[in-house]
PDB file of N, CA and C in Angstrom:
ATOM      1  N   UNK A   1     -16.543 -10.859 -49.219  1.00  0.00           N
ATOM      2  CA  UNK A   1     -16.186 -11.381 -47.922  1.00  0.00           C
ATOM      3  C   UNK A   1     -15.349 -10.345 -47.169  1.00  0.00           C
ATOM      4  N   UNK A   2     -15.734 -10.070 -45.935  1.00  0.00           N
ATOM      5  CA  UNK A   2     -15.072  -9.050 -45.136  1.00  0.00           C
ATOM      6  C   UNK A   2     -14.023  -9.701 -44.231  1.00  0.00           C
ATOM      7  N   UNK A   3     -12.831  -9.120 -44.177  1.00  0.00           N
ATOM      8  CA  UNK A   3     -11.755  -9.639 -43.328  1.00  0.00           C
ATOM      9  C   UNK A   3     -11.751  -8.831 -42.027  1.00  0.00           C
ATOM     10  N   UNK A   4     -11.784  -9.549 -40.933  1.00  0.00           N
ATOM     11  CA  UNK A   4     -11.765  -8.886 -39.628  1.00  0.00           C
ATOM     12  C   UNK A   4     -10.445  -9.190 -38.929  1.00  0.00           C
ATOM     13  N   UNK A   5      -9.931  -8.188 -38.243  1.00  0.00           N
ATOM     14  CA  UNK A   5      -8.696  -8.343 -37.490  1.00  0.00           C
ATOM     15  C   UNK A   5      -9.001  -8.152 -36.011  1.00  0.00           C
ATOM     16  N   UNK A   6      -8.404  -8.974 -35.214  1.00  0.00           N
ATOM     17  CA  UNK A   6      -8.578  -8.852 -33.769  1.00  0.00           C
ATOM     18  C   UNK A   6      -7.236  -8.445 -33.179  1.00  0.00           C
ATOM     19  N   UNK A   7      -7.270  -7.445 -32.292  1.00  0.00           N
ATOM     20  CA  UNK A   7      -6.055  -6.934 -31.676  1.00  0.00           C
ATOM     21  C   UNK A   7      -6.213  -6.998 -30.174  1.00  0.00           C
ATOM     22  N   UNK A   8      -5.251  -7.598 -29.499  1.00  0.00           N
ATOM     23  CA  UNK A   8      -5.252  -7.650 -28.045  1.00  0.00           C
ATOM     24  C   UNK A   8      -3.965  -7.024 -27.545  1.00  0.00           C
ATOM     25  N   UNK A   9      -4.073  -6.273 -26.460  1.00  0.00           N
ATOM     26  CA  UNK A   9      -2.900  -5.632 -25.871  1.00  0.00           C
ATOM     27  C   UNK A   9      -2.824  -5.981 -24.396  1.00  0.00           C
ATOM     28  N   UNK A  10      -1.637  -6.242 -23.925  1.00  0.00           N
ATOM     29  CA  UNK A  10      -1.401  -6.530 -22.523  1.00  0.00           C
ATOM     30  C   UNK A  10      -0.552  -5.401 -21.970  1.00  0.00           C
ATOM     31  N   UNK A  11      -1.003  -4.809 -20.891  1.00  0.00           N
ATOM     32  CA  UNK A  11      -0.279  -3.703 -20.288  1.00  0.00           C
ATOM     33  C   UNK A  11       0.109  -4.095 -18.870  1.00  0.00           C
ATOM     34  N   UNK A  12       1.387  -4.010 -18.572  1.00  0.00           N
ATOM     35  CA  UNK A  12       1.882  -4.289 -17.220  1.00  0.00           C
ATOM     36  C   UNK A  12       2.331  -2.973 -16.602  1.00  0.00           C
ATOM     37  N   UNK A  13       1.962  -2.769 -15.367  1.00  0.00           N
ATOM     38  CA  UNK A  13       2.352  -1.529 -14.694  1.00  0.00           C
ATOM     39  C   UNK A  13       3.087  -1.841 -13.407  1.00  0.00           C
ATOM     40  N   UNK A  14       3.945  -0.944 -13.033  1.00  0.00           N
ATOM     41  CA  UNK A  14       4.670  -1.035 -11.774  1.00  0.00           C
ATOM     42  C   UNK A  14       4.541   0.316 -11.086  1.00  0.00           C
ATOM     43  N   UNK A  15       4.461   0.285  -9.774  1.00  0.00           N
ATOM     44  CA  UNK A  15       4.348   1.535  -9.031  1.00  0.00           C
ATOM     45  C   UNK A  15       5.634   1.807  -8.277  1.00  0.00           C
ATOM     46  N   UNK A  16       5.980   3.064  -8.221  1.00  0.00           N
ATOM     47  CA  UNK A  16       7.123   3.487  -7.427  1.00  0.00           C
ATOM     48  C   UNK A  16       6.675   4.681  -6.595  1.00  0.00           C
ATOM     49  N   UNK A  17       6.903   4.593  -5.301  1.00  0.00           N
ATOM     50  CA  UNK A  17       6.524   5.673  -4.400  1.00  0.00           C
ATOM     51  C   UNK A  17       7.785   6.281  -3.816  1.00  0.00           C
ATOM     52  N   UNK A  18       7.829   7.588  -3.811  1.00  0.00           N
ATOM     53  CA  UNK A  18       8.923   8.304  -3.180  1.00  0.00           C
ATOM     54  C   UNK A  18       8.341   9.034  -1.978  1.00  0.00           C
ATOM     55  N   UNK A  19       8.795   8.653  -0.812  1.00  0.00           N
ATOM     56  CA  UNK A  19       8.287   9.240   0.426  1.00  0.00           C
ATOM     57  C   UNK A  19       9.447   9.948   1.091  1.00  0.00           C
ATOM     58  N   UNK A  20       9.304  11.215   1.236  1.00  0.00           N
ATOM     59  CA  UNK A  20      10.368  12.005   1.841  1.00  0.00           C
ATOM     60  C   UNK A  20      10.080  12.186   3.316  1.00  0.00           C
ATOM     61  N   UNK A  21      11.095  11.906   4.113  1.00  0.00           N
ATOM     62  CA  UNK A  21      10.986  12.065   5.550  1.00  0.00           C
ATOM     63  C   UNK A  21      12.203  12.827   6.049  1.00  0.00           C
ATOM     64  N   UNK A  22      12.054  13.393   7.214  1.00  0.00           N
ATOM     65  CA  UNK A  22      13.190  14.052   7.829  1.00  0.00           C
ATOM     66  C   UNK A  22      14.256  13.012   8.154  1.00  0.00           C
ATOM     67  N   UNK A  23      15.532  13.398   8.076  1.00  0.00           N
ATOM     68  CA  UNK A  23      16.592  12.420   8.371  1.00  0.00           C
ATOM     69  C   UNK A  23      16.503  11.866   9.789  1.00  0.00           C
ATOM     70  N   UNK A  24      15.915  12.618  10.686  1.00  0.00           N
ATOM     71  CA  UNK A  24      15.805  12.169  12.076  1.00  0.00           C
ATOM     72  C   UNK A  24      14.594  11.265  12.303  1.00  0.00           C
ATOM     73  N   UNK A  25      13.717  11.150  11.295  1.00  0.00           N
ATOM     74  CA  UNK A  25      12.516  10.328  11.450  1.00  0.00           C
ATOM     75  C   UNK A  25      12.906   8.851  11.538  1.00  0.00           C
ATOM     76  N   UNK A  26      12.248   8.154  12.450  1.00  0.00           N
ATOM     77  CA  UNK A  26      12.521   6.736  12.643  1.00  0.00           C
ATOM     78  C   UNK A  26      11.938   5.933  11.488  1.00  0.00           C
ATOM     79  N   UNK A  27      12.749   5.076  10.917  1.00  0.00           N
ATOM     80  CA  UNK A  27      12.281   4.222   9.828  1.00  0.00           C
ATOM     81  C   UNK A  27      12.031   2.833  10.394  1.00  0.00           C
ATOM     82  N   UNK A  28      10.856   2.335  10.138  1.00  0.00           N
ATOM     83  CA  UNK A  28      10.473   1.036  10.675  1.00  0.00           C
ATOM     84  C   UNK A  28      10.264   0.069   9.516  1.00  0.00           C
ATOM     85  N   UNK A  29      10.842  -1.122   9.644  1.00  0.00           N
ATOM     86  CA  UNK A  29      10.655  -2.169   8.646  1.00  0.00           C
ATOM     87  C   UNK A  29       9.582  -3.128   9.153  1.00  0.00           C
ATOM     88  N   UNK A  30       8.805  -3.660   8.225  1.00  0.00           N
ATOM     89  CA  UNK A  30       7.749  -4.608   8.562  1.00  0.00           C
ATOM     90  C   UNK A  30       8.374  -5.844   9.206  1.00  0.00           C
ATOM     91  N   UNK A  31       7.873  -6.262  10.371  1.00  0.00           N
ATOM     92  CA  UNK A  31       8.438  -7.453  11.020  1.00  0.00           C
ATOM     93  C   UNK A  31       8.149  -8.750  10.253  1.00  0.00           C
ATOM     94  N   UNK A  32       7.176  -8.722   9.346  1.00  0.00           N
ATOM     95  CA  UNK A  32       6.815  -9.938   8.606  1.00  0.00           C
ATOM     96  C   UNK A  32       7.591 -10.047   7.297  1.00  0.00           C
ATOM     97  N   UNK A  33       7.622  -8.962   6.506  1.00  0.00           N
ATOM     98  CA  UNK A  33       8.251  -9.044   5.184  1.00  0.00           C
ATOM     99  C   UNK A  33       9.483  -8.143   5.021  1.00  0.00           C
ATOM    100  N   UNK A  34       9.747  -7.264   5.985  1.00  0.00           N
ATOM    101  CA  UNK A  34      10.928  -6.413   5.921  1.00  0.00           C
ATOM    102  C   UNK A  34      10.787  -5.165   5.064  1.00  0.00           C
ATOM    103  N   UNK A  35       9.606  -4.940   4.494  1.00  0.00           N
ATOM    104  CA  UNK A  35       9.367  -3.765   3.647  1.00  0.00           C
ATOM    105  C   UNK A  35       9.116  -2.535   4.522  1.00  0.00           C
ATOM    106  N   UNK A  36       9.238  -1.316   3.950  1.00  0.00           N
ATOM    107  CA  UNK A  36       9.024  -0.101   4.738  1.00  0.00           C
ATOM    108  C   UNK A  36       7.587   0.025   5.231  1.00  0.00           C
ATOM    109  N   UNK A  37       7.458   0.670   6.389  1.00  0.00           N
ATOM    110  CA  UNK A  37       6.140   0.899   6.965  1.00  0.00           C
ATOM    111  C   UNK A  37       5.880   2.399   7.028  1.00  0.00           C
ATOM    112  N   UNK A  38       4.601   2.760   6.958  1.00  0.00           N
ATOM    113  CA  UNK A  38       4.167   4.152   6.995  1.00  0.00           C
ATOM    114  C   UNK A  38       3.156   4.340   8.112  1.00  0.00           C
ATOM    115  N   UNK A  39       3.017   5.581   8.557  1.00  0.00           N
ATOM    116  CA  UNK A  39       1.927   5.879   9.477  1.00  0.00           C
ATOM    117  C   UNK A  39       0.634   5.827   8.678  1.00  0.00           C
ATOM    118  N   UNK A  40      -0.488   5.729   9.361  1.00  0.00           N
ATOM    119  CA  UNK A  40      -1.766   5.688   8.653  1.00  0.00           C
ATOM    120  C   UNK A  40      -2.005   6.996   7.904  1.00  0.00           C
ATOM    121  N   UNK A  41      -1.501   8.092   8.452  1.00  0.00           N
ATOM    122  CA  UNK A  41      -1.661   9.390   7.774  1.00  0.00           C
ATOM    123  C   UNK A  41      -0.871   9.421   6.466  1.00  0.00           C
ATOM    124  N   UNK A  42       0.355   8.922   6.487  1.00  0.00           N
ATOM    125  CA  UNK A  42       1.162   8.869   5.269  1.00  0.00           C
ATOM    126  C   UNK A  42       0.540   7.917   4.248  1.00  0.00           C
ATOM    127  N   UNK A  43       0.098   6.752   4.708  1.00  0.00           N
ATOM    128  CA  UNK A  43      -0.514   5.768   3.810  1.00  0.00           C
ATOM    129  C   UNK A  43      -1.778   6.322   3.165  1.00  0.00           C
ATOM    130  N   UNK A  44      -2.526   7.094   3.929  1.00  0.00           N
ATOM    131  CA  UNK A  44      -3.738   7.717   3.407  1.00  0.00           C
ATOM    132  C   UNK A  44      -3.407   8.625   2.229  1.00  0.00           C
ATOM    133  N   UNK A  45      -2.355   9.408   2.363  1.00  0.00           N
ATOM    134  CA  UNK A  45      -1.941  10.301   1.282  1.00  0.00           C
ATOM    135  C   UNK A  45      -1.374   9.560   0.089  1.00  0.00           C
ATOM    136  N   UNK A  46      -0.561   8.535   0.332  1.00  0.00           N
ATOM    137  CA  UNK A  46       0.068   7.778  -0.748  1.00  0.00           C
ATOM    138  C   UNK A  46      -0.965   7.032  -1.580  1.00  0.00           C
ATOM    139  N   UNK A  47      -1.906   6.364  -0.906  1.00  0.00           N
ATOM    140  CA  UNK A  47      -2.874   5.530  -1.607  1.00  0.00           C
ATOM    141  C   UNK A  47      -4.163   6.259  -1.972  1.00  0.00           C
ATOM    142  N   UNK A  48      -4.317   7.476  -1.489  1.00  0.00           N
ATOM    143  CA  UNK A  48      -5.504   8.261  -1.836  1.00  0.00           C
ATOM    144  C   UNK A  48      -6.795   7.709  -1.246  1.00  0.00           C
ATOM    145  N   UNK A  49      -6.698   7.158  -0.036  1.00  0.00           N
ATOM    146  CA  UNK A  49      -7.892   6.658   0.644  1.00  0.00           C
ATOM    147  C   UNK A  49      -7.961   7.270   2.031  1.00  0.00           C
ATOM    148  N   UNK A  50      -9.097   7.147   2.682  1.00  0.00           N
ATOM    149  CA  UNK A  50      -9.269   7.715   4.016  1.00  0.00           C
ATOM    150  C   UNK A  50      -8.644   6.797   5.066  1.00  0.00           C
ATOM    151  N   UNK A  51      -8.223   7.409   6.175  1.00  0.00           N
ATOM    152  CA  UNK A  51      -7.637   6.641   7.269  1.00  0.00           C
ATOM    153  C   UNK A  51      -8.628   5.614   7.802  1.00  0.00           C
ATOM    154  N   UNK A  52      -9.883   5.931   7.771  1.00  0.00           N
ATOM    155  CA  UNK A  52     -10.910   4.999   8.236  1.00  0.00           C
ATOM    156  C   UNK A  52     -10.842   3.690   7.436  1.00  0.00           C
ATOM    157  N   UNK A  53     -10.654   3.784   6.126  1.00  0.00           N
ATOM    158  CA  UNK A  53     -10.554   2.596   5.278  1.00  0.00           C
ATOM    159  C   UNK A  53      -9.314   1.791   5.641  1.00  0.00           C
ATOM    160  N   UNK A  54      -8.233   2.470   5.974  1.00  0.00           N
ATOM    161  CA  UNK A  54      -7.005   1.780   6.380  1.00  0.00           C
ATOM    162  C   UNK A  54      -7.259   0.960   7.642  1.00  0.00           C
ATOM    163  N   UNK A  55      -7.952   1.545   8.616  1.00  0.00           N
ATOM    164  CA  UNK A  55      -8.253   0.815   9.848  1.00  0.00           C
ATOM    165  C   UNK A  55      -9.205  -0.356   9.593  1.00  0.00           C
ATOM    166  N   UNK A  56     -10.103  -0.225   8.637  1.00  0.00           N
ATOM    167  CA  UNK A  56     -10.978  -1.350   8.279  1.00  0.00           C
ATOM    168  C   UNK A  56     -10.158  -2.496   7.705  1.00  0.00           C
ATOM    169  N   UNK A  57      -9.185  -2.175   6.879  1.00  0.00           N
ATOM    170  CA  UNK A  57      -8.318  -3.202   6.294  1.00  0.00           C
ATOM    171  C   UNK A  57      -7.492  -3.870   7.384  1.00  0.00           C
ATOM    172  N   UNK A  58      -6.978  -3.077   8.319  1.00  0.00           N
ATOM    173  CA  UNK A  58      -6.195  -3.626   9.424  1.00  0.00           C
ATOM    174  C   UNK A  58      -7.049  -4.580  10.266  1.00  0.00           C
ATOM    175  N   UNK A  59      -8.286  -4.192  10.555  1.00  0.00           N
ATOM    176  CA  UNK A  59      -9.159  -5.035  11.368  1.00  0.00           C
ATOM    177  C   UNK A  59      -9.505  -6.339  10.655  1.00  0.00           C
ATOM    178  N   UNK A  60      -9.575  -6.320   9.331  1.00  0.00           N
ATOM    179  CA  UNK A  60      -9.855  -7.536   8.569  1.00  0.00           C
ATOM    180  C   UNK A  60      -8.602  -8.419   8.462  1.00  0.00           C
ATOM    181  N   UNK A  61      -7.450  -7.893   8.857  1.00  0.00           N
ATOM    182  CA  UNK A  61      -6.160  -8.579   8.947  1.00  0.00           C
ATOM    183  C   UNK A  61      -5.476  -8.974   7.640  1.00  0.00           C
ATOM    184  N   UNK A  62      -5.809  -8.392   6.475  1.00  0.00           N
ATOM    185  CA  UNK A  62      -5.027  -8.800   5.306  1.00  0.00           C
ATOM    186  C   UNK A  62      -3.740  -8.001   5.117  1.00  0.00           C
ATOM    187  N   UNK A  63      -3.548  -6.914   5.862  1.00  0.00           N
ATOM    188  CA  UNK A  63      -2.344  -6.098   5.705  1.00  0.00           C
ATOM    189  C   UNK A  63      -1.494  -6.183   6.970  1.00  0.00           C
ATOM    190  N   UNK A  64      -0.177  -6.108   6.795  1.00  0.00           N
ATOM    191  CA  UNK A  64       0.743  -6.154   7.937  1.00  0.00           C
ATOM    192  C   UNK A  64       0.732  -4.801   8.644  1.00  0.00           C
ATOM    193  N   UNK A  65       0.712  -4.807   9.959  1.00  0.00           N
ATOM    194  CA  UNK A  65       0.767  -3.555  10.714  1.00  0.00           C
ATOM    195  C   UNK A  65       1.414  -3.803  12.066  1.00  0.00           C
ATOM    196  N   UNK A  66       1.794  -2.731  12.709  1.00  0.00           N
ATOM    197  CA  UNK A  66       2.343  -2.796  14.055  1.00  0.00           C
ATOM    198  C   UNK A  66       2.038  -1.495  14.772  1.00  0.00           C
ATOM    199  N   UNK A  67       2.133  -1.516  16.090  1.00  0.00           N
ATOM    200  CA  UNK A  67       1.945  -0.313  16.904  1.00  0.00           C
ATOM    201  C   UNK A  67       3.283   0.070  17.507  1.00  0.00           C
ATOM    202  N   UNK A  68       3.605   1.347  17.497  1.00  0.00           N
ATOM    203  CA  UNK A  68       4.850   1.817  18.098  1.00  0.00           C
ATOM    204  C   UNK A  68       4.637   2.062  19.587  1.00  0.00           C
ATOM    205  N   UNK A  69       5.727   2.381  20.272  1.00  0.00           N
ATOM    206  CA  UNK A  69       5.636   2.678  21.706  1.00  0.00           C
ATOM    207  C   UNK A  69       4.780   3.909  21.973  1.00  0.00           C
ATOM    208  N   UNK A  70       4.704   4.815  21.009  1.00  0.00           N
ATOM    209  CA  UNK A  70       3.900   6.034  21.149  1.00  0.00           C
ATOM    210  C   UNK A  70       2.447   5.793  20.769  1.00  0.00           C
ATOM    211  N   UNK A  71       2.064   4.533  20.579  1.00  0.00           N
ATOM    212  CA  UNK A  71       0.701   4.133  20.200  1.00  0.00           C
ATOM    213  C   UNK A  71       0.300   4.618  18.808  1.00  0.00           C
ATOM    214  N   UNK A  72       1.278   4.790  17.968  1.00  0.00           N
ATOM    215  CA  UNK A  72       1.023   5.145  16.582  1.00  0.00           C
ATOM    216  C   UNK A  72       0.961   3.858  15.772  1.00  0.00           C
ATOM    217  N   UNK A  73       0.005   3.752  14.856  1.00  0.00           N
ATOM    218  CA  UNK A  73      -0.132   2.548  14.034  1.00  0.00           C
ATOM    219  C   UNK A  73       0.669   2.728  12.754  1.00  0.00           C
ATOM    220  N   UNK A  74       1.502   1.733  12.467  1.00  0.00           N
ATOM    221  CA  UNK A  74       2.302   1.731  11.253  1.00  0.00           C
ATOM    222  C   UNK A  74       1.804   0.591  10.380  1.00  0.00           C
ATOM    223  N   UNK A  75       1.719   0.836   9.072  1.00  0.00           N
ATOM    224  CA  UNK A  75       1.211  -0.176   8.143  1.00  0.00           C
ATOM    225  C   UNK A  75       2.240  -0.438   7.051  1.00  0.00           C
ATOM    226  N   UNK A  76       2.367  -1.697   6.679  1.00  0.00           N
ATOM    227  CA  UNK A  76       3.318  -2.114   5.644  1.00  0.00           C
ATOM    228  C   UNK A  76       2.830  -1.615   4.279  1.00  0.00           C
ATOM    229  N   UNK A  77       3.684  -0.882   3.606  1.00  0.00           N
ATOM    230  CA  UNK A  77       3.305  -0.292   2.336  1.00  0.00           C
ATOM    231  C   UNK A  77       3.058  -1.363   1.266  1.00  0.00           C
ATOM    232  N   UNK A  78       3.859  -2.395   1.241  1.00  0.00           N
ATOM    233  CA  UNK A  78       3.721  -3.431   0.223  1.00  0.00           C
ATOM    234  C   UNK A  78       2.449  -4.241   0.407  1.00  0.00           C
ATOM    235  N   UNK A  79       2.170  -4.670   1.640  1.00  0.00           N
ATOM    236  CA  UNK A  79       0.971  -5.478   1.856  1.00  0.00           C
ATOM    237  C   UNK A  79      -0.294  -4.646   1.639  1.00  0.00           C
ATOM    238  N   UNK A  80      -0.233  -3.364   1.964  1.00  0.00           N
ATOM    239  CA  UNK A  80      -1.379  -2.480   1.733  1.00  0.00           C
ATOM    240  C   UNK A  80      -1.635  -2.333   0.238  1.00  0.00           C
ATOM    241  N   UNK A  81      -0.576  -2.174  -0.550  1.00  0.00           N
ATOM    242  CA  UNK A  81      -0.722  -2.069  -2.008  1.00  0.00           C
ATOM    243  C   UNK A  81      -1.330  -3.344  -2.584  1.00  0.00           C
ATOM    244  N   UNK A  82      -0.929  -4.496  -2.067  1.00  0.00           N
ATOM    245  CA  UNK A  82      -1.476  -5.771  -2.547  1.00  0.00           C
ATOM    246  C   UNK A  82      -2.962  -5.881  -2.233  1.00  0.00           C
ATOM    247  N   UNK A  83      -3.358  -5.452  -1.036  1.00  0.00           N
ATOM    248  CA  UNK A  83      -4.775  -5.501  -0.661  1.00  0.00           C
ATOM    249  C   UNK A  83      -5.584  -4.606  -1.587  1.00  0.00           C
ATOM    250  N   UNK A  84      -5.113  -3.385  -1.798  1.00  0.00           N
ATOM    251  CA  UNK A  84      -5.848  -2.444  -2.635  1.00  0.00           C
ATOM    252  C   UNK A  84      -5.880  -2.887  -4.097  1.00  0.00           C
ATOM    253  N   UNK A  85      -4.789  -3.472  -4.596  1.00  0.00           N
ATOM    254  CA  UNK A  85      -4.794  -3.982  -5.974  1.00  0.00           C
ATOM    255  C   UNK A  85      -5.779  -5.128  -6.119  1.00  0.00           C
ATOM    256  N   UNK A  86      -5.912  -5.962  -5.095  1.00  0.00           N
ATOM    257  CA  UNK A  86      -6.868  -7.058  -5.121  1.00  0.00           C
ATOM    258  C   UNK A  86      -8.299  -6.566  -5.137  1.00  0.00           C
ATOM    259  N   UNK A  87      -8.566  -5.436  -4.480  1.00  0.00           N
ATOM    260  CA  UNK A  87      -9.921  -4.855  -4.474  1.00  0.00           C
ATOM    261  C   UNK A  87     -10.285  -4.269  -5.822  1.00  0.00           C
ATOM    262  N   UNK A  88      -9.304  -3.728  -6.529  1.00  0.00           N
ATOM    263  CA  UNK A  88      -9.559  -3.035  -7.793  1.00  0.00           C
ATOM    264  C   UNK A  88      -9.708  -3.981  -8.968  1.00  0.00           C
ATOM    265  N   UNK A  89      -9.205  -5.213  -8.823  1.00  0.00           N
ATOM    266  CA  UNK A  89      -9.296  -6.126  -9.971  1.00  0.00           C
ATOM    267  C   UNK A  89     -10.532  -6.975  -9.949  1.00  0.00           C
TER     268      UNK A  89
END
């Protein structure tokens, strides 16, 4: 008689992003959740996706975003991470 062993492992991960900006750069907090916001260019680099994909997510409305007075689009880093994690699972 052969004895079989079953092994299961659970792995939990957390992400930490360090974004360096000039001290004079304006920091914007998300008006919905209060988390930091990034430009679409910064978010593209952090998440490793194209800016076009970011705008598709914004148009579908699952991520928090805002427009600045200079017509620059800012996106909430936390809500964007949640959207992308939901796509990957």
